[in-house]
Structures are given as C-alpha cells and as structure tokens.
Amino acid sequence: MSKGYWIVTTTVTNPEGFGEYVQGFATWIESIGGKVVAKDLDAKTVEGKGGHLAVIIEFPSKEVASEAYNRADYQELSKLRWANSSDTNITIMDGSVTH
C-alpha cells in the first residue's frame, strides 16, 4: 500500500499564535502515526496561490491521510491555524506513481 500525503501551503500572519498550533500539531501528528517529511519557511509558489510556509506530511495511506483531516480533534486544532495564517491550501494525495 502506498503512503498518503498532505501537501500544505500557508502564510503565517501571527507567529506566536501559529507556534501554538505547531506545538499541538506535532503532538497530534505523532499520536496518529503521521510525520512531517519536509518543511520550508520561505517556499516559493511559482504558479497559483500559495503561502510562504510549505509542509509535506506523510501518513501510512491516502485513506489515513483523509481520515486524519476529518477527525474532530484535528478540526478543533485547525482553528488555531486558521486564526493565525492565511492563503492556506491542503491537498491530500496518494504517494504511488502510476504512470
């Protein structure tokens, strides 16, 4: 089974408040078997609308990645992200290469 990923871009508008989200997220992601595999605090979006922070988060599968996003505990935690960032995009994808 292939891994699942969240591809996240956002612009942090309040570093202190966003830091609170990051602390909670680190504990939460570990508790559900996910992990951050890449992070760039000064990412460059070359097409479309993206933020300055880009993160790739790995999960055991795309199904687990989707379930994680929809969990009530994550939705509650994400309120901190929304309050302290803008231009957020989250894409959930399968890690297999089929072509």
Protein backbone atom coordinates (compact mmCIF):
# COMPACT_ATOMS: atom_id res chain seq x y z
CA MET A 1 0.00 0.00 0.00
CA SER A 2 1.37 3.41 -0.90
CA LYS A 3 1.79 6.26 1.52
CA GLY A 4 -0.60 9.20 1.69
CA TYR A 5 0.43 12.84 1.95
CA TRP A 6 -0.84 16.25 2.87
CA ILE A 7 0.76 18.97 0.79
CA VAL A 8 0.21 22.20 2.74
CA THR A 9 1.00 25.82 1.93
CA THR A 10 0.08 28.77 4.10
CA THR A 11 1.20 32.25 5.09
CA VAL A 12 1.75 32.76 8.80
CA THR A 13 0.15 36.02 9.93
CA ASN A 14 0.76 35.69 13.68
CA PRO A 15 3.92 33.72 14.52
CA GLU A 16 3.16 33.43 18.23
CA GLY A 17 -0.34 32.03 17.72
CA PHE A 18 0.82 29.82 14.86
CA GLY A 19 3.55 28.46 17.13
CA GLU A 20 0.82 27.25 19.48
CA TYR A 21 -0.77 25.41 16.56
CA VAL A 22 2.58 23.86 15.58
CA GLN A 23 3.15 22.57 19.12
CA GLY A 24 -0.29 20.97 19.24
CA PHE A 25 0.09 19.62 15.72
CA ALA A 26 3.45 17.97 16.47
CA THR A 27 1.92 16.02 19.35
CA TRP A 28 -1.23 15.19 17.40
CA ILE A 29 0.51 14.01 14.20
CA GLU A 30 2.80 11.70 16.15
CA SER A 31 -0.17 10.22 18.02
CA ILE A 32 -1.86 9.13 14.78
CA GLY A 33 1.20 7.72 13.01
CA GLY A 34 1.94 10.62 10.67
CA LYS A 35 5.16 12.58 10.29
CA VAL A 36 6.42 15.79 8.75
CA VAL A 37 8.86 14.85 5.99
CA ALA A 38 9.64 18.31 4.57
CA LYS A 39 9.13 21.91 5.66
CA ASP A 40 10.22 25.22 4.13
CA LEU A 41 9.56 28.51 5.91
CA ASP A 42 10.34 30.50 2.75
CA ALA A 43 8.77 28.44 -0.04
CA LYS A 44 8.29 30.00 -3.45
CA THR A 45 4.97 29.43 -5.23
CA VAL A 46 5.65 29.74 -8.94
CA GLU A 47 2.10 29.07 -10.13
CA GLY A 48 -1.22 29.52 -8.36
CA LYS A 49 -1.85 30.87 -4.89
CA GLY A 50 0.26 29.51 -2.10
CA GLY A 51 1.81 30.67 1.12
CA HIS A 52 5.36 31.17 2.33
CA LEU A 53 5.29 28.06 4.53
CA ALA A 54 5.17 24.71 2.74
CA VAL A 55 4.92 21.37 4.53
CA ILE A 56 4.69 17.76 3.36
CA ILE A 57 3.17 15.36 5.89
CA GLU A 58 3.30 11.59 5.38
CA PHE A 59 0.67 9.09 6.50
CA PRO A 60 0.50 5.29 6.18
CA SER A 61 -2.01 5.65 3.29
CA LYS A 62 -4.20 8.17 1.46
CA GLU A 63 -7.19 6.82 3.37
CA VAL A 64 -5.46 7.51 6.71
CA ALA A 65 -4.49 10.99 5.46
CA SER A 66 -8.13 11.76 4.59
CA GLU A 67 -9.42 10.35 7.87
CA ALA A 68 -6.85 12.41 9.79
CA TYR A 69 -8.01 15.64 8.19
CA ASN A 70 -11.64 14.89 9.03
CA ARG A 71 -11.02 13.90 12.66
CA ALA A 72 -12.81 16.11 15.19
CA ASP A 73 -9.60 16.63 17.17
CA TYR A 74 -7.79 17.93 14.07
CA GLN A 75 -10.69 20.15 13.06
CA GLU A 76 -10.58 21.69 16.54
CA LEU A 77 -6.79 22.14 16.35
CA SER A 78 -7.05 23.67 12.88
CA LYS A 79 -8.97 26.61 14.32
CA LEU A 80 -5.60 27.83 15.66
CA ARG A 81 -4.13 27.56 12.18
CA TRP A 82 -6.99 29.47 10.60
CA ALA A 83 -6.77 32.22 13.22
CA ASN A 84 -3.04 32.70 12.68
CA SER A 85 -2.48 32.18 8.96
CA SER A 86 -3.95 32.96 5.54
CA ASP A 87 -3.86 31.61 1.99
CA THR A 88 -3.91 28.02 3.25
CA ASN A 89 -4.10 25.15 0.76
CA ILE A 90 -4.15 21.49 1.78
CA THR A 91 -4.01 18.76 -0.85
CA ILE A 92 -4.38 15.11 0.12
CA MET A 93 -2.68 12.75 -2.31
CA ASP A 94 -1.65 9.15 -2.86
CA GLY A 95 2.09 8.62 -2.91
CA SER A 96 2.13 5.99 -5.64
CA VAL A 97 3.33 6.77 -9.12
CA THR A 98 1.02 5.20 -11.67
CA HIS A 99 2.40 6.49 -14.96
